[in-house]
Amino acid sequence: MPSIHFLTSGKTIEVQPDANLLRTSIRYEGSVPFKCGGGLCGTCRVRIVDGQENLSKVMKKELDRLGNESIDQGYRLACQTFIAGDVTIAWDVADLERRNKIAQRRIANSTQ
């Protein structure tokens, strides 16, 4: 079974193949930050430290939120990413407050 190592929170979890990264984090307290869970806000942005080849293809929502440069640097949206093999991820805790403010604006704008 594939495993996800949440480097920032120090947790490692074994998962079924094709498990969603954010849902797994929520279910097993991996601590990936999130607001919407649907690719709108970008709060669940994580950096793939190891195992990029074991992830689903990049989704359009990820391209829209992150851009090619961030994706090329190894960033993904956990809510849009599925696991096919072992992966290690991390996220920037210091940047979280800024991303939360941006997320709140994006969510508010999407409901208007």
PDB file of N, CA and C in Angstrom:
ATOM      1  N   MET A   1       0.836  -1.184   0.000  1.00  0.00           N
ATOM      2  CA  MET A   1       0.000   0.000   0.000  1.00  0.00           C
ATOM      3  C   MET A   1       0.882   1.249   0.000  1.00  0.00           C
ATOM      4  N   PRO A   2       0.472   2.265  -0.744  1.00  0.00           N
ATOM      5  CA  PRO A   2       1.234   3.517  -0.760  1.00  0.00           C
ATOM      6  C   PRO A   2       1.193   4.205   0.603  1.00  0.00           C
ATOM      7  N   SER A   3       2.198   5.024   0.865  1.00  0.00           N
ATOM      8  CA  SER A   3       2.196   5.803   2.103  1.00  0.00           C
ATOM      9  C   SER A   3       2.401   7.282   1.779  1.00  0.00           C
ATOM     10  N   ILE A   4       1.800   8.107   2.623  1.00  0.00           N
ATOM     11  CA  ILE A   4       1.977   9.549   2.544  1.00  0.00           C
ATOM     12  C   ILE A   4       2.726   9.964   3.794  1.00  0.00           C
ATOM     13  N   HIS A   5       3.849  10.636   3.599  1.00  0.00           N
ATOM     14  CA  HIS A   5       4.580  11.183   4.738  1.00  0.00           C
ATOM     15  C   HIS A   5       4.335  12.691   4.760  1.00  0.00           C
ATOM     16  N   PHE A   6       3.658  13.163   5.801  1.00  0.00           N
ATOM     17  CA  PHE A   6       3.370  14.574   5.996  1.00  0.00           C
ATOM     18  C   PHE A   6       4.553  15.158   6.764  1.00  0.00           C
ATOM     19  N   LEU A   7       5.513  15.675   6.048  1.00  0.00           N
ATOM     20  CA  LEU A   7       6.768  16.132   6.648  1.00  0.00           C
ATOM     21  C   LEU A   7       6.534  17.225   7.691  1.00  0.00           C
ATOM     22  N   THR A   8       5.656  18.171   7.408  1.00  0.00           N
ATOM     23  CA  THR A   8       5.422  19.297   8.311  1.00  0.00           C
ATOM     24  C   THR A   8       4.812  18.847   9.634  1.00  0.00           C
ATOM     25  N   SER A   9       3.873  17.915   9.589  1.00  0.00           N
ATOM     26  CA  SER A   9       3.242  17.459  10.832  1.00  0.00           C
ATOM     27  C   SER A   9       3.913  16.208  11.405  1.00  0.00           C
ATOM     28  N   GLY A  10       4.808  15.584  10.631  1.00  0.00           N
ATOM     29  CA  GLY A  10       5.539  14.426  11.117  1.00  0.00           C
ATOM     30  C   GLY A  10       4.761  13.121  11.105  1.00  0.00           C
ATOM     31  N   LYS A  11       3.668  13.080  10.395  1.00  0.00           N
ATOM     32  CA  LYS A  11       2.814  11.895  10.386  1.00  0.00           C
ATOM     33  C   LYS A  11       3.014  11.117   9.074  1.00  0.00           C
ATOM     34  N   THR A  12       2.963   9.789   9.151  1.00  0.00           N
ATOM     35  CA  THR A  12       3.011   8.930   7.969  1.00  0.00           C
ATOM     36  C   THR A  12       1.795   8.015   8.009  1.00  0.00           C
ATOM     37  N   ILE A  13       1.123   7.905   6.864  1.00  0.00           N
ATOM     38  CA  ILE A  13      -0.119   7.140   6.788  1.00  0.00           C
ATOM     39  C   ILE A  13      -0.079   6.235   5.564  1.00  0.00           C
ATOM     40  N   GLU A  14      -0.469   4.989   5.724  1.00  0.00           N
ATOM     41  CA  GLU A  14      -0.642   4.090   4.577  1.00  0.00           C
ATOM     42  C   GLU A  14      -2.044   4.277   4.039  1.00  0.00           C
ATOM     43  N   VAL A  15      -2.159   4.309   2.703  1.00  0.00           N
ATOM     44  CA  VAL A  15      -3.450   4.573   2.060  1.00  0.00           C
ATOM     45  C   VAL A  15      -3.703   3.585   0.929  1.00  0.00           C
ATOM     46  N   GLN A  16      -4.937   3.509   0.525  1.00  0.00           N
ATOM     47  CA  GLN A  16      -5.286   2.733  -0.657  1.00  0.00           C
ATOM     48  C   GLN A  16      -4.818   3.494  -1.895  1.00  0.00           C
ATOM     49  N   PRO A  17      -4.465   2.815  -2.984  1.00  0.00           N
ATOM     50  CA  PRO A  17      -4.132   3.507  -4.223  1.00  0.00           C
ATOM     51  C   PRO A  17      -5.299   4.390  -4.661  1.00  0.00           C
ATOM     52  N   ASP A  18      -5.000   5.506  -5.266  1.00  0.00           N
ATOM     53  CA  ASP A  18      -5.970   6.497  -5.742  1.00  0.00           C
ATOM     54  C   ASP A  18      -6.659   7.261  -4.617  1.00  0.00           C
ATOM     55  N   ALA A  19      -6.068   7.279  -3.431  1.00  0.00           N
ATOM     56  CA  ALA A  19      -6.606   8.074  -2.329  1.00  0.00           C
ATOM     57  C   ALA A  19      -6.350   9.552  -2.606  1.00  0.00           C
ATOM     58  N   ASN A  20      -7.310  10.395  -2.239  1.00  0.00           N
ATOM     59  CA  ASN A  20      -7.155  11.838  -2.382  1.00  0.00           C
ATOM     60  C   ASN A  20      -6.289  12.351  -1.225  1.00  0.00           C
ATOM     61  N   LEU A  21      -5.334  13.184  -1.549  1.00  0.00           N
ATOM     62  CA  LEU A  21      -4.379  13.672  -0.560  1.00  0.00           C
ATOM     63  C   LEU A  21      -5.049  14.486   0.546  1.00  0.00           C
ATOM     64  N   LEU A  22      -5.934  15.404   0.209  1.00  0.00           N
ATOM     65  CA  LEU A  22      -6.576  16.214   1.241  1.00  0.00           C
ATOM     66  C   LEU A  22      -7.543  15.392   2.091  1.00  0.00           C
ATOM     67  N   ARG A  23      -8.372  14.580   1.460  1.00  0.00           N
ATOM     68  CA  ARG A  23      -9.317  13.761   2.231  1.00  0.00           C
ATOM     69  C   ARG A  23      -8.585  12.835   3.194  1.00  0.00           C
ATOM     70  N   THR A  24      -7.466  12.295   2.743  1.00  0.00           N
ATOM     71  CA  THR A  24      -6.666  11.430   3.620  1.00  0.00           C
ATOM     72  C   THR A  24      -6.114  12.232   4.792  1.00  0.00           C
ATOM     73  N   SER A  25      -5.633  13.428   4.512  1.00  0.00           N
ATOM     74  CA  SER A  25      -5.118  14.279   5.581  1.00  0.00           C
ATOM     75  C   SER A  25      -6.200  14.605   6.604  1.00  0.00           C
ATOM     76  N   ILE A  26      -7.389  14.914   6.135  1.00  0.00           N
ATOM     77  CA  ILE A  26      -8.493  15.229   7.053  1.00  0.00           C
ATOM     78  C   ILE A  26      -8.852  14.003   7.881  1.00  0.00           C
ATOM     79  N   ARG A  27      -9.019  12.870   7.222  1.00  0.00           N
ATOM     80  CA  ARG A  27      -9.453  11.643   7.896  1.00  0.00           C
ATOM     81  C   ARG A  27      -8.453  11.162   8.949  1.00  0.00           C
ATOM     82  N   TYR A  28      -7.158  11.291   8.650  1.00  0.00           N
ATOM     83  CA  TYR A  28      -6.137  10.740   9.544  1.00  0.00           C
ATOM     84  C   TYR A  28      -5.289  11.818  10.228  1.00  0.00           C
ATOM     85  N   GLU A  29      -5.794  13.045  10.248  1.00  0.00           N
ATOM     86  CA  GLU A  29      -5.160  14.162  10.938  1.00  0.00           C
ATOM     87  C   GLU A  29      -3.721  14.416  10.491  1.00  0.00           C
ATOM     88  N   GLY A  30      -3.551  14.470   9.163  1.00  0.00           N
ATOM     89  CA  GLY A  30      -2.246  14.807   8.605  1.00  0.00           C
ATOM     90  C   GLY A  30      -1.935  16.287   8.686  1.00  0.00           C
ATOM     91  N   SER A  31      -2.962  17.096   8.920  1.00  0.00           N
ATOM     92  CA  SER A  31      -2.849  18.538   9.189  1.00  0.00           C
ATOM     93  C   SER A  31      -2.617  19.431   7.982  1.00  0.00           C
ATOM     94  N   VAL A  32      -2.854  18.947   6.757  1.00  0.00           N
ATOM     95  CA  VAL A  32      -2.762  19.833   5.599  1.00  0.00           C
ATOM     96  C   VAL A  32      -3.820  20.924   5.770  1.00  0.00           C
ATOM     97  N   PRO A  33      -3.426  22.207   5.692  1.00  0.00           N
ATOM     98  CA  PRO A  33      -4.406  23.284   5.846  1.00  0.00           C
ATOM     99  C   PRO A  33      -5.370  23.321   4.663  1.00  0.00           C
ATOM    100  N   PHE A  34      -6.620  23.719   4.925  1.00  0.00           N
ATOM    101  CA  PHE A  34      -7.598  23.839   3.841  1.00  0.00           C
ATOM    102  C   PHE A  34      -8.759  24.713   4.276  1.00  0.00           C
ATOM    103  N   LYS A  35      -9.465  25.259   3.300  1.00  0.00           N
ATOM    104  CA  LYS A  35     -10.681  26.035   3.549  1.00  0.00           C
ATOM    105  C   LYS A  35     -11.852  25.427   2.780  1.00  0.00           C
ATOM    106  N   CYS A  36     -11.701  25.297   1.449  1.00  0.00           N
ATOM    107  CA  CYS A  36     -12.865  24.911   0.639  1.00  0.00           C
ATOM    108  C   CYS A  36     -12.878  23.439   0.248  1.00  0.00           C
ATOM    109  N   GLY A  37     -11.728  22.850  -0.005  1.00  0.00           N
ATOM    110  CA  GLY A  37     -11.664  21.455  -0.408  1.00  0.00           C
ATOM    111  C   GLY A  37     -12.061  21.186  -1.849  1.00  0.00           C
ATOM    112  N   GLY A  38     -12.251  22.247  -2.645  1.00  0.00           N
ATOM    113  CA  GLY A  38     -12.709  22.052  -4.015  1.00  0.00           C
ATOM    114  C   GLY A  38     -11.871  22.728  -5.083  1.00  0.00           C
ATOM    115  N   GLY A  39     -10.674  23.184  -4.752  1.00  0.00           N
ATOM    116  CA  GLY A  39      -9.799  23.788  -5.747  1.00  0.00           C
ATOM    117  C   GLY A  39     -10.041  25.267  -5.985  1.00  0.00           C
ATOM    118  N   LEU A  40     -10.886  25.899  -5.194  1.00  0.00           N
ATOM    119  CA  LEU A  40     -11.177  27.322  -5.384  1.00  0.00           C
ATOM    120  C   LEU A  40     -10.197  28.235  -4.665  1.00  0.00           C
ATOM    121  N   CYS A  41      -9.818  27.874  -3.443  1.00  0.00           N
ATOM    122  CA  CYS A  41      -9.098  28.831  -2.598  1.00  0.00           C
ATOM    123  C   CYS A  41      -7.574  28.715  -2.657  1.00  0.00           C
ATOM    124  N   GLY A  42      -7.030  27.540  -2.875  1.00  0.00           N
ATOM    125  CA  GLY A  42      -5.583  27.366  -2.919  1.00  0.00           C
ATOM    126  C   GLY A  42      -4.922  27.175  -1.561  1.00  0.00           C
ATOM    127  N   THR A  43      -5.710  27.130  -0.496  1.00  0.00           N
ATOM    128  CA  THR A  43      -5.152  26.998   0.848  1.00  0.00           C
ATOM    129  C   THR A  43      -4.417  25.673   1.048  1.00  0.00           C
ATOM    130  N   CYS A  44      -4.842  24.630   0.364  1.00  0.00           N
ATOM    131  CA  CYS A  44      -4.248  23.300   0.563  1.00  0.00           C
ATOM    132  C   CYS A  44      -3.005  23.070  -0.306  1.00  0.00           C
ATOM    133  N   ARG A  45      -2.356  24.164  -0.709  1.00  0.00           N
ATOM    134  CA  ARG A  45      -1.135  24.052  -1.516  1.00  0.00           C
ATOM    135  C   ARG A  45      -0.052  23.355  -0.706  1.00  0.00           C
ATOM    136  N   VAL A  46       0.492  22.293  -1.263  1.00  0.00           N
ATOM    137  CA  VAL A  46       1.580  21.553  -0.631  1.00  0.00           C
ATOM    138  C   VAL A  46       2.734  21.420  -1.611  1.00  0.00           C
ATOM    139  N   ARG A  47       3.925  21.226  -1.073  1.00  0.00           N
ATOM    140  CA  ARG A  47       5.110  20.989  -1.904  1.00  0.00           C
ATOM    141  C   ARG A  47       5.410  19.504  -1.874  1.00  0.00           C
ATOM    142  N   ILE A  48       5.585  18.928  -3.041  1.00  0.00           N
ATOM    143  CA  ILE A  48       5.925  17.511  -3.146  1.00  0.00           C
ATOM    144  C   ILE A  48       7.433  17.394  -2.965  1.00  0.00           C
ATOM    145  N   VAL A  49       7.840  16.849  -1.840  1.00  0.00           N
ATOM    146  CA  VAL A  49       9.252  16.698  -1.508  1.00  0.00           C
ATOM    147  C   VAL A  49       9.824  15.476  -2.216  1.00  0.00           C
ATOM    148  N   ASP A  50       9.033  14.418  -2.291  1.00  0.00           N
ATOM    149  CA  ASP A  50       9.478  13.178  -2.921  1.00  0.00           C
ATOM    150  C   ASP A  50       8.248  12.423  -3.423  1.00  0.00           C
ATOM    151  N   GLY A  51       8.371  11.777  -4.579  1.00  0.00           N
ATOM    152  CA  GLY A  51       7.298  10.939  -5.086  1.00  0.00           C
ATOM    153  C   GLY A  51       6.393  11.606  -6.112  1.00  0.00           C
ATOM    154  N   GLN A  52       6.850  12.673  -6.726  1.00  0.00           N
ATOM    155  CA  GLN A  52       6.052  13.381  -7.741  1.00  0.00           C
ATOM    156  C   GLN A  52       5.497  12.421  -8.793  1.00  0.00           C
ATOM    157  N   GLU A  53       6.285  11.408  -9.146  1.00  0.00           N
ATOM    158  CA  GLU A  53       5.873  10.441 -10.170  1.00  0.00           C
ATOM    159  C   GLU A  53       4.722   9.546  -9.707  1.00  0.00           C
ATOM    160  N   ASN A  54       4.412   9.579  -8.427  1.00  0.00           N
ATOM    161  CA  ASN A  54       3.346   8.740  -7.873  1.00  0.00           C
ATOM    162  C   ASN A  54       2.026   9.486  -7.683  1.00  0.00           C
ATOM    163  N   LEU A  55       1.891  10.628  -8.353  1.00  0.00           N
ATOM    164  CA  LEU A  55       0.694  11.448  -8.212  1.00  0.00           C
ATOM    165  C   LEU A  55      -0.113  11.482  -9.506  1.00  0.00           C
ATOM    166  N   SER A  56      -1.385  11.814  -9.365  1.00  0.00           N
ATOM    167  CA  SER A  56      -2.252  11.996 -10.525  1.00  0.00           C
ATOM    168  C   SER A  56      -1.753  13.182 -11.357  1.00  0.00           C
ATOM    169  N   LYS A  57      -2.252  13.274 -12.580  1.00  0.00           N
ATOM    170  CA  LYS A  57      -1.852  14.385 -13.437  1.00  0.00           C
ATOM    171  C   LYS A  57      -2.378  15.703 -12.857  1.00  0.00           C
ATOM    172  N   VAL A  58      -1.717  16.784 -13.206  1.00  0.00           N
ATOM    173  CA  VAL A  58      -2.106  18.109 -12.737  1.00  0.00           C
ATOM    174  C   VAL A  58      -3.464  18.470 -13.340  1.00  0.00           C
ATOM    175  N   MET A  59      -4.368  18.938 -12.488  1.00  0.00           N
ATOM    176  CA  MET A  59      -5.720  19.300 -12.905  1.00  0.00           C
ATOM    177  C   MET A  59      -5.781  20.778 -13.314  1.00  0.00           C
ATOM    178  N   LYS A  60      -6.812  21.119 -14.096  1.00  0.00           N
ATOM    179  CA  LYS A  60      -6.989  22.498 -14.555  1.00  0.00           C
ATOM    180  C   LYS A  60      -7.101  23.469 -13.385  1.00  0.00           C
ATOM    181  N   LYS A  61      -7.803  23.090 -12.329  1.00  0.00           N
ATOM    182  CA  LYS A  61      -7.934  23.972 -11.161  1.00  0.00           C
ATOM    183  C   LYS A  61      -6.578  24.278 -10.546  1.00  0.00           C
ATOM    184  N   GLU A  62      -5.669  23.306 -10.594  1.00  0.00           N
ATOM    185  CA  GLU A  62      -4.332  23.540 -10.057  1.00  0.00           C
ATOM    186  C   GLU A  62      -3.574  24.541 -10.917  1.00  0.00           C
ATOM    187  N   LEU A  63      -3.688  24.390 -12.227  1.00  0.00           N
ATOM    188  CA  LEU A  63      -3.052  25.343 -13.132  1.00  0.00           C
ATOM    189  C   LEU A  63      -3.600  26.743 -12.906  1.00  0.00           C
ATOM    190  N   ASP A  64      -4.920  26.860 -12.748  1.00  0.00           N
ATOM    191  CA  ASP A  64      -5.556  28.158 -12.523  1.00  0.00           C
ATOM    192  C   ASP A  64      -5.107  28.800 -11.219  1.00  0.00           C
ATOM    193  N   ARG A  65      -5.015  28.028 -10.153  1.00  0.00           N
ATOM    194  CA  ARG A  65      -4.683  28.562  -8.830  1.00  0.00           C
ATOM    195  C   ARG A  65      -3.186  28.739  -8.625  1.00  0.00           C
ATOM    196  N   LEU A  66      -2.404  27.788  -9.100  1.00  0.00           N
ATOM    197  CA  LEU A  66      -0.970  27.787  -8.799  1.00  0.00           C
ATOM    198  C   LEU A  66      -0.107  28.359  -9.918  1.00  0.00           C
ATOM    199  N   GLY A  67      -0.496  28.112 -11.150  1.00  0.00           N
ATOM    200  CA  GLY A  67       0.321  28.529 -12.285  1.00  0.00           C
ATOM    201  C   GLY A  67       1.418  27.516 -12.585  1.00  0.00           C
ATOM    202  N   ASN A  68       1.916  27.572 -13.783  1.00  0.00           N
ATOM    203  CA  ASN A  68       2.938  26.624 -14.231  1.00  0.00           C
ATOM    204  C   ASN A  68       4.223  26.694 -13.425  1.00  0.00           C
ATOM    205  N   GLU A  69       4.626  27.906 -13.041  1.00  0.00           N
ATOM    206  CA  GLU A  69       5.891  28.050 -12.314  1.00  0.00           C
ATOM    207  C   GLU A  69       5.853  27.313 -10.976  1.00  0.00           C
ATOM    208  N   SER A  70       4.781  27.481 -10.208  1.00  0.00           N
ATOM    209  CA  SER A  70       4.667  26.788  -8.915  1.00  0.00           C
ATOM    210  C   SER A  70       4.581  25.280  -9.101  1.00  0.00           C
ATOM    211  N   ILE A  71       3.841  24.852 -10.108  1.00  0.00           N
ATOM    212  CA  ILE A  71       3.729  23.417 -10.372  1.00  0.00           C
ATOM    213  C   ILE A  71       5.092  22.850 -10.753  1.00  0.00           C
ATOM    214  N   ASP A  72       5.847  23.587 -11.566  1.00  0.00           N
ATOM    215  CA  ASP A  72       7.194  23.145 -11.931  1.00  0.00           C
ATOM    216  C   ASP A  72       8.123  23.081 -10.715  1.00  0.00           C
ATOM    217  N   GLN A  73       7.835  23.879  -9.681  1.00  0.00           N
ATOM    218  CA  GLN A  73       8.634  23.870  -8.455  1.00  0.00           C
ATOM    219  C   GLN A  73       8.183  22.774  -7.493  1.00  0.00           C
ATOM    220  N   GLY A  74       7.154  22.000  -7.886  1.00  0.00           N
ATOM    221  CA  GLY A  74       6.728  20.866  -7.071  1.00  0.00           C
ATOM    222  C   GLY A  74       5.494  21.101  -6.223  1.00  0.00           C
ATOM    223  N   TYR A  75       4.784  22.204  -6.447  1.00  0.00           N
ATOM    224  CA  TYR A  75       3.581  22.478  -5.666  1.00  0.00           C
ATOM    225  C   TYR A  75       2.353  21.854  -6.310  1.00  0.00           C
ATOM    226  N   ARG A  76       1.435  21.411  -5.475  1.00  0.00           N
ATOM    227  CA  ARG A  76       0.152  20.850  -5.916  1.00  0.00           C
ATOM    228  C   ARG A  76      -0.933  21.279  -4.940  1.00  0.00           C
ATOM    229  N   LEU A  77      -2.186  21.179  -5.368  1.00  0.00           N
ATOM    230  CA  LEU A  77      -3.312  21.368  -4.464  1.00  0.00           C
ATOM    231  C   LEU A  77      -3.693  19.995  -3.940  1.00  0.00           C
ATOM    232  N   ALA A  78      -3.669  19.829  -2.627  1.00  0.00           N
ATOM    233  CA  ALA A  78      -3.965  18.525  -2.031  1.00  0.00           C
ATOM    234  C   ALA A  78      -5.365  18.048  -2.387  1.00  0.00           C
ATOM    235  N   CYS A  79      -6.313  18.969  -2.529  1.00  0.00           N
ATOM    236  CA  CYS A  79      -7.698  18.578  -2.826  1.00  0.00           C
ATOM    237  C   CYS A  79      -7.861  18.017  -4.229  1.00  0.00           C
ATOM    238  N   GLN A  80      -6.918  18.286  -5.115  1.00  0.00           N
ATOM    239  CA  GLN A  80      -7.005  17.849  -6.505  1.00  0.00           C
ATOM    240  C   GLN A  80      -6.036  16.716  -6.831  1.00  0.00           C
ATOM    241  N   THR A  81      -5.305  16.233  -5.833  1.00  0.00           N
ATOM    242  CA  THR A  81      -4.211  15.290  -6.060  1.00  0.00           C
ATOM    243  C   THR A  81      -4.537  13.910  -5.486  1.00  0.00           C
ATOM    244  N   PHE A  82      -4.292  12.889  -6.299  1.00  0.00           N
ATOM    245  CA  PHE A  82      -4.541  11.504  -5.906  1.00  0.00           C
ATOM    246  C   PHE A  82      -3.222  10.746  -5.909  1.00  0.00           C
ATOM    247  N   ILE A  83      -3.117   9.761  -5.021  1.00  0.00           N
ATOM    248  CA  ILE A  83      -1.868   9.050  -4.751  1.00  0.00           C
ATOM    249  C   ILE A  83      -1.864   7.678  -5.420  1.00  0.00           C
ATOM    250  N   ALA A  84      -0.762   7.362  -6.109  1.00  0.00           N
ATOM    251  CA  ALA A  84      -0.607   6.040  -6.708  1.00  0.00           C
ATOM    252  C   ALA A  84       0.569   5.277  -6.098  1.00  0.00           C
ATOM    253  N   GLY A  85       1.388   5.961  -5.314  1.00  0.00           N
ATOM    254  CA  GLY A  85       2.552   5.347  -4.690  1.00  0.00           C
ATOM    255  C   GLY A  85       3.041   6.237  -3.559  1.00  0.00           C
ATOM    256  N   ASP A  86       4.177   5.893  -2.975  1.00  0.00           N
ATOM    257  CA  ASP A  86       4.707   6.644  -1.832  1.00  0.00           C
ATOM    258  C   ASP A  86       4.998   8.101  -2.201  1.00  0.00           C
ATOM    259  N   VAL A  87       4.686   8.995  -1.268  1.00  0.00           N
ATOM    260  CA  VAL A  87       4.903  10.424  -1.491  1.00  0.00           C
ATOM    261  C   VAL A  87       5.212  11.104  -0.155  1.00  0.00           C
ATOM    262  N   THR A  88       6.054  12.122  -0.209  1.00  0.00           N
ATOM    263  CA  THR A  88       6.358  12.964   0.943  1.00  0.00           C
ATOM    264  C   THR A  88       5.969  14.385   0.587  1.00  0.00           C
ATOM    265  N   ILE A  89       5.204  15.035   1.487  1.00  0.00           N
ATOM    266  CA  ILE A  89       4.750  16.395   1.225  1.00  0.00           C
ATOM    267  C   ILE A  89       5.075  17.306   2.400  1.00  0.00           C
ATOM    268  N   ALA A  90       5.098  18.607   2.121  1.00  0.00           N
ATOM    269  CA  ALA A  90       5.304  19.617   3.161  1.00  0.00           C
ATOM    270  C   ALA A  90       4.510  20.858   2.774  1.00  0.00           C
ATOM    271  N   TRP A  91       4.285  21.722   3.741  1.00  0.00           N
ATOM    272  CA  TRP A  91       3.624  23.001   3.463  1.00  0.00           C
ATOM    273  C   TRP A  91       4.255  24.057   4.340  1.00  0.00           C
ATOM    274  N   ASP A  92       4.112  25.308   3.916  1.00  0.00           N
ATOM    275  CA  ASP A  92       4.743  26.437   4.584  1.00  0.00           C
ATOM    276  C   ASP A  92       3.799  27.006   5.628  1.00  0.00           C
ATOM    277  N   VAL A  93       4.060  26.745   6.873  1.00  0.00           N
ATOM    278  CA  VAL A  93       3.217  27.219   7.969  1.00  0.00           C
ATOM    279  C   VAL A  93       3.268  28.743   8.059  1.00  0.00           C
ATOM    280  N   ALA A  94       4.422  29.353   7.825  1.00  0.00           N
ATOM    281  CA  ALA A  94       4.561  30.806   7.922  1.00  0.00           C
ATOM    282  C   ALA A  94       3.707  31.529   6.890  1.00  0.00           C
ATOM    283  N   ASP A  95       3.466  30.918   5.753  1.00  0.00           N
ATOM    284  CA  ASP A  95       2.694  31.516   4.667  1.00  0.00           C
ATOM    285  C   ASP A  95       1.186  31.283   4.829  1.00  0.00           C
ATOM    286  N   LEU A  96       0.799  30.520   5.821  1.00  0.00           N
ATOM    287  CA  LEU A  96      -0.590  30.093   5.967  1.00  0.00           C
ATOM    288  C   LEU A  96      -1.566  31.243   6.209  1.00  0.00           C
ATOM    289  N   GLU A  97      -1.211  32.218   7.026  1.00  0.00           N
ATOM    290  CA  GLU A  97      -2.119  33.331   7.314  1.00  0.00           C
ATOM    291  C   GLU A  97      -2.454  34.106   6.029  1.00  0.00           C
ATOM    292  N   ARG A  98      -1.457  34.373   5.216  1.00  0.00           N
ATOM    293  CA  ARG A  98      -1.682  35.077   3.947  1.00  0.00           C
ATOM    294  C   ARG A  98      -2.593  34.271   3.033  1.00  0.00           C
ATOM    295  N   ARG A  99      -2.344  32.970   2.924  1.00  0.00           N
ATOM    296  CA  ARG A  99      -3.175  32.117   2.069  1.00  0.00           C
ATOM    297  C   ARG A  99      -4.609  32.034   2.579  1.00  0.00           C
ATOM    298  N   ASN A 100      -4.807  32.053   3.902  1.00  0.00           N
ATOM    299  CA  ASN A 100      -6.161  32.040   4.459  1.00  0.00           C
ATOM    300  C   ASN A 100      -6.933  33.289   4.066  1.00  0.00           C
ATOM    301  N   LYS A 101      -6.291  34.447   4.082  1.00  0.00           N
ATOM    302  CA  LYS A 101      -6.959  35.694   3.682  1.00  0.00           C
ATOM    303  C   LYS A 101      -7.344  35.655   2.204  1.00  0.00           C
ATOM    304  N   ILE A 102      -6.443  35.183   1.381  1.00  0.00           N
ATOM    305  CA  ILE A 102      -6.729  35.060  -0.053  1.00  0.00           C
ATOM    306  C   ILE A 102      -7.873  34.078  -0.265  1.00  0.00           C
ATOM    307  N   ALA A 103      -7.853  32.973   0.449  1.00  0.00           N
ATOM    308  CA  ALA A 103      -8.896  31.950   0.323  1.00  0.00           C
ATOM    309  C   ALA A 103     -10.264  32.513   0.674  1.00  0.00           C
ATOM    310  N   GLN A 104     -10.344  33.285   1.743  1.00  0.00           N
ATOM    311  CA  GLN A 104     -11.628  33.853   2.145  1.00  0.00           C
ATOM    312  C   GLN A 104     -12.188  34.760   1.049  1.00  0.00           C
ATOM    313  N   ARG A 105     -11.328  35.563   0.413  1.00  0.00           N
ATOM    314  CA  ARG A 105     -11.781  36.434  -0.679  1.00  0.00           C
ATOM    315  C   ARG A 105     -12.261  35.599  -1.877  1.00  0.00           C
ATOM    316  N   ARG A 106     -11.496  34.578  -2.228  1.00  0.00           N
ATOM    317  CA  ARG A 106     -11.868  33.745  -3.381  1.00  0.00           C
ATOM    318  C   ARG A 106     -13.185  33.018  -3.153  1.00  0.00           C
ATOM    319  N   ILE A 107     -13.365  32.488  -1.956  1.00  0.00           N
ATOM    320  CA  ILE A 107     -14.605  31.764  -1.644  1.00  0.00           C
ATOM    321  C   ILE A 107     -15.778  32.731  -1.676  1.00  0.00           C
ATOM    322  N   ALA A 108     -15.608  33.917  -1.088  1.00  0.00           N
ATOM    323  CA  ALA A 108     -16.683  34.907  -1.085  1.00  0.00           C
ATOM    324  C   ALA A 108     -17.047  35.324  -2.511  1.00  0.00           C
ATOM    325  N   ASN A 109     -16.051  35.514  -3.359  1.00  0.00           N
ATOM    326  CA  ASN A 109     -16.297  35.919  -4.754  1.00  0.00           C
ATOM    327  C   ASN A 109     -16.963  34.819  -5.568  1.00  0.00           C
ATOM    328  N   SER A 110     -16.696  33.566  -5.233  1.00  0.00           N
ATOM    329  CA  SER A 110     -17.268  32.465  -6.013  1.00  0.00           C
ATOM    330  C   SER A 110     -18.739  32.237  -5.689  1.00  0.00           C
ATOM    331  N   THR A 111     -19.214  32.753  -4.560  1.00  0.00           N
ATOM    332  CA  THR A 111     -20.611  32.556  -4.179  1.00  0.00           C
ATOM    333  C   THR A 111     -21.502  33.727  -4.577  1.00  0.00           C
ATOM    334  N   GLN A 112     -20.900  34.762  -5.145  1.00  0.00           N
ATOM    335  CA  GLN A 112     -21.681  35.934  -5.541  1.00  0.00           C
ATOM    336  C   GLN A 112     -22.208  35.801  -6.947  1.00  0.00           C
TER     337      GLN A 112
END
